[in-house]
Amino acid sequence: MTEREARAGHVLDAYSERRRARRGEDTWFGDPRGLREGAEAGMNADELSRRRLDVVQEAVHVGMPAELAELMYDIARDEGLDPVLAFELVRSGLGVMPPEEGLDNAPRHHTTDKYRPEWLEPPVDPDTLLRERTLRISFRRLRGFLERHDDPADAFQAFAREPDVGAVGY
């Protein structure tokens, strides 16, 4: 077993333990649907807001920057992954590595639009954009493996075996 596979196993164990501590019992029971859409099914707006606050505060409590915690939660919801599982994945540092060349969305030739000046929309910080894309790709890929594998442990092992998955500094 490689270090990445061991780390992936720790993510799943930590997720299960966190749910057990949160609810007083293990509500997951190994069903992979609970790792995806089932975690927040049936919650009203107040419960969802409270859950978001709880997860973000817990992430900040263990040393994650608040901006990263909020981004992680929102992207996990967008990608259909339980935000608590996403928290454990980010906390472990396991994810899809960014491309070697980084992030370059700059046009090759400067263009101007006389109807929409550049100062109207401030540019997005490249580090923030790269962090968001790394989170989104990592969560989307993990969700894909969870959908293909019946056993979540197999899904995490397959995710860890991907050639571009490694220790990511979110």
Protein backbone atom coordinates (compact mmCIF):
# COMPACT_ATOMS: atom_id res chain seq x y z
CA MET A 1 0.00 0.00 0.00
CA THR A 2 1.40 3.38 -1.00
CA GLU A 3 1.42 6.47 1.16
CA ARG A 4 -1.35 8.03 -0.94
CA GLU A 5 -3.54 4.94 -0.54
CA ALA A 6 -2.96 4.96 3.22
CA ARG A 7 -3.84 8.66 3.36
CA ALA A 8 -7.04 7.98 1.39
CA GLY A 9 -7.99 5.28 3.90
CA HIS A 10 -7.40 7.73 6.75
CA VAL A 11 -9.75 10.23 5.09
CA LEU A 12 -12.57 7.69 5.00
CA ASP A 13 -11.92 6.60 8.60
CA ALA A 14 -11.80 10.19 9.84
CA TYR A 15 -15.03 10.97 8.02
CA SER A 16 -16.81 8.01 9.60
CA GLU A 17 -15.49 8.90 13.04
CA ARG A 18 -16.50 12.56 12.65
CA ARG A 19 -20.06 11.54 11.75
CA ARG A 20 -20.16 9.16 14.71
CA ALA A 21 -19.02 11.90 17.10
CA ARG A 22 -21.40 14.44 15.59
CA ARG A 23 -24.52 12.28 15.80
CA GLY A 24 -23.66 10.02 18.70
CA GLU A 25 -23.79 7.00 16.41
CA ASP A 26 -22.56 5.97 12.99
CA THR A 27 -25.24 7.12 10.57
CA TRP A 28 -23.24 6.28 7.51
CA PHE A 29 -23.27 2.44 7.56
CA GLY A 30 -20.94 2.20 4.55
CA ASP A 31 -23.56 3.32 2.02
CA PRO A 32 -21.72 5.33 -0.67
CA ARG A 33 -24.85 7.39 -1.40
CA GLY A 34 -24.43 9.03 2.01
CA LEU A 35 -21.05 10.33 0.91
CA ARG A 36 -22.73 12.10 -1.96
CA GLU A 37 -26.20 13.57 -2.07
CA GLY A 38 -27.69 11.86 1.00
CA ALA A 39 -25.89 13.84 3.68
CA GLU A 40 -28.05 16.96 3.42
CA ALA A 41 -31.23 15.51 1.96
CA GLY A 42 -34.39 16.73 3.62
CA MET A 43 -32.79 19.66 5.44
CA ASN A 44 -34.55 23.01 5.38
CA ALA A 45 -32.74 26.32 4.77
CA ASP A 46 -32.08 26.94 8.48
CA GLU A 47 -30.62 23.47 8.99
CA LEU A 48 -28.42 23.84 5.90
CA SER A 49 -27.22 27.24 7.10
CA ARG A 50 -26.46 25.84 10.56
CA ARG A 51 -24.63 22.85 9.06
CA ARG A 52 -22.54 25.16 6.87
CA LEU A 53 -21.64 27.27 9.87
CA ASP A 54 -20.75 24.16 11.93
CA VAL A 55 -18.50 22.69 9.25
CA VAL A 56 -16.76 26.01 8.52
CA GLN A 57 -16.22 26.73 12.22
CA GLU A 58 -14.84 23.25 12.80
CA ALA A 59 -12.45 23.68 9.87
CA VAL A 60 -11.29 27.05 11.19
CA HIS A 61 -10.88 25.52 14.66
CA VAL A 62 -8.37 22.98 13.33
CA GLY A 63 -6.36 25.70 11.57
CA MET A 64 -7.90 26.00 8.11
CA PRO A 65 -8.25 29.57 6.84
CA ALA A 66 -11.88 30.72 6.90
CA GLU A 67 -11.80 31.63 3.21
CA LEU A 68 -10.65 28.11 2.29
CA ALA A 69 -13.24 26.53 4.60
CA GLU A 70 -16.10 28.49 3.02
CA LEU A 71 -14.83 27.81 -0.50
CA MET A 72 -14.43 24.10 0.30
CA TYR A 73 -17.97 23.84 1.65
CA ASP A 74 -19.57 25.66 -1.28
CA ILE A 75 -17.66 23.71 -3.93
CA ALA A 76 -18.41 20.39 -2.22
CA ARG A 77 -22.13 21.23 -2.32
CA ASP A 78 -21.84 22.26 -5.99
CA GLU A 79 -20.07 19.00 -6.86
CA GLY A 80 -22.51 16.81 -4.91
CA LEU A 81 -20.05 15.66 -2.26
CA ASP A 82 -20.77 15.69 1.46
CA PRO A 83 -18.97 18.82 2.78
CA VAL A 84 -17.76 16.92 5.86
CA LEU A 85 -16.08 14.38 3.57
CA ALA A 86 -14.62 17.27 1.56
CA PHE A 87 -13.31 18.76 4.81
CA GLU A 88 -11.52 15.52 5.65
CA LEU A 89 -10.07 15.32 2.14
CA VAL A 90 -8.75 18.90 2.29
CA ARG A 91 -7.46 18.36 5.82
CA SER A 92 -5.51 15.30 4.66
CA GLY A 93 -3.95 17.32 1.82
CA LEU A 94 -4.84 14.66 -0.75
CA GLY A 95 -6.10 15.95 -4.07
CA VAL A 96 -5.56 16.35 -7.78
CA MET A 97 -2.30 18.18 -8.39
CA PRO A 98 -2.41 21.44 -10.34
CA PRO A 99 -0.71 21.47 -13.74
CA GLU A 100 3.05 22.05 -13.78
CA GLU A 101 2.67 25.32 -15.67
CA GLY A 102 0.22 26.63 -13.08
CA LEU A 103 -2.72 28.68 -14.17
CA ASP A 104 -2.47 31.01 -17.13
CA ASN A 105 -5.66 32.41 -18.55
CA ALA A 106 -4.07 35.55 -19.95
CA PRO A 107 -4.70 36.17 -23.62
CA ARG A 108 -1.66 35.94 -25.88
CA HIS A 109 -2.46 39.30 -27.46
CA HIS A 110 -3.82 42.16 -25.45
CA THR A 111 -7.32 43.13 -26.47
CA THR A 112 -9.44 46.00 -25.35
CA ASP A 113 -13.16 46.41 -25.41
CA LYS A 114 -14.18 50.04 -25.73
CA TYR A 115 -17.61 49.21 -24.31
CA ARG A 116 -16.39 47.38 -21.21
CA PRO A 117 -13.20 48.79 -19.70
CA GLU A 118 -10.91 46.42 -17.77
CA TRP A 119 -11.08 48.48 -14.58
CA LEU A 120 -14.80 47.69 -14.31
CA GLU A 121 -14.14 44.12 -13.19
CA PRO A 122 -11.16 43.61 -10.90
CA PRO A 123 -9.02 40.63 -11.88
CA VAL A 124 -9.34 37.42 -9.90
CA ASP A 125 -6.28 36.49 -7.87
CA PRO A 126 -4.56 33.57 -9.71
CA ASP A 127 -3.91 31.70 -6.43
CA THR A 128 -7.60 31.85 -5.51
CA LEU A 129 -8.59 30.67 -8.97
CA LEU A 130 -6.08 27.81 -8.85
CA ARG A 131 -7.29 26.79 -5.37
CA GLU A 132 -10.90 26.78 -6.53
CA ARG A 133 -10.11 24.69 -9.61
CA THR A 134 -8.02 22.24 -7.59
CA LEU A 135 -10.86 21.76 -5.09
CA ARG A 136 -13.46 21.40 -7.82
CA ILE A 137 -11.44 18.85 -9.82
CA SER A 138 -10.54 16.84 -6.71
CA PHE A 139 -14.14 16.70 -5.45
CA ARG A 140 -15.53 15.90 -8.89
CA ARG A 141 -13.04 13.08 -9.44
CA LEU A 142 -13.68 11.58 -5.99
CA ARG A 143 -17.43 11.73 -6.56
CA GLY A 144 -16.95 9.93 -9.88
CA PHE A 145 -15.11 7.12 -8.14
CA LEU A 146 -17.79 6.94 -5.44
CA GLU A 147 -20.41 6.54 -8.15
CA ARG A 148 -18.49 3.76 -9.94
CA HIS A 149 -17.50 1.68 -6.90
CA ASP A 150 -19.91 -0.07 -4.56
CA ASP A 151 -17.44 0.01 -1.67
CA PRO A 152 -16.30 3.52 -0.62
CA ALA A 153 -12.92 2.12 0.47
CA ASP A 154 -12.34 0.89 -3.11
CA ALA A 155 -13.33 4.30 -4.44
CA PHE A 156 -10.82 6.04 -2.19
CA GLN A 157 -8.07 3.59 -3.12
CA ALA A 158 -8.78 4.12 -6.84
CA PHE A 159 -8.74 7.89 -6.30
CA ALA A 160 -5.37 7.66 -4.53
CA ARG A 161 -3.91 5.54 -7.36
CA GLU A 162 -4.58 8.21 -9.98
CA PRO A 163 -1.25 9.46 -11.41
CA ASP A 164 -2.02 13.14 -10.81
CA VAL A 165 -3.26 12.73 -7.23
CA GLY A 166 -0.86 13.65 -4.47
CA ALA A 167 -0.19 15.98 -1.57
CA VAL A 168 -1.80 19.29 -2.47
CA GLY A 169 -1.20 22.50 -0.55
CA TYR A 170 -4.71 23.89 -0.77
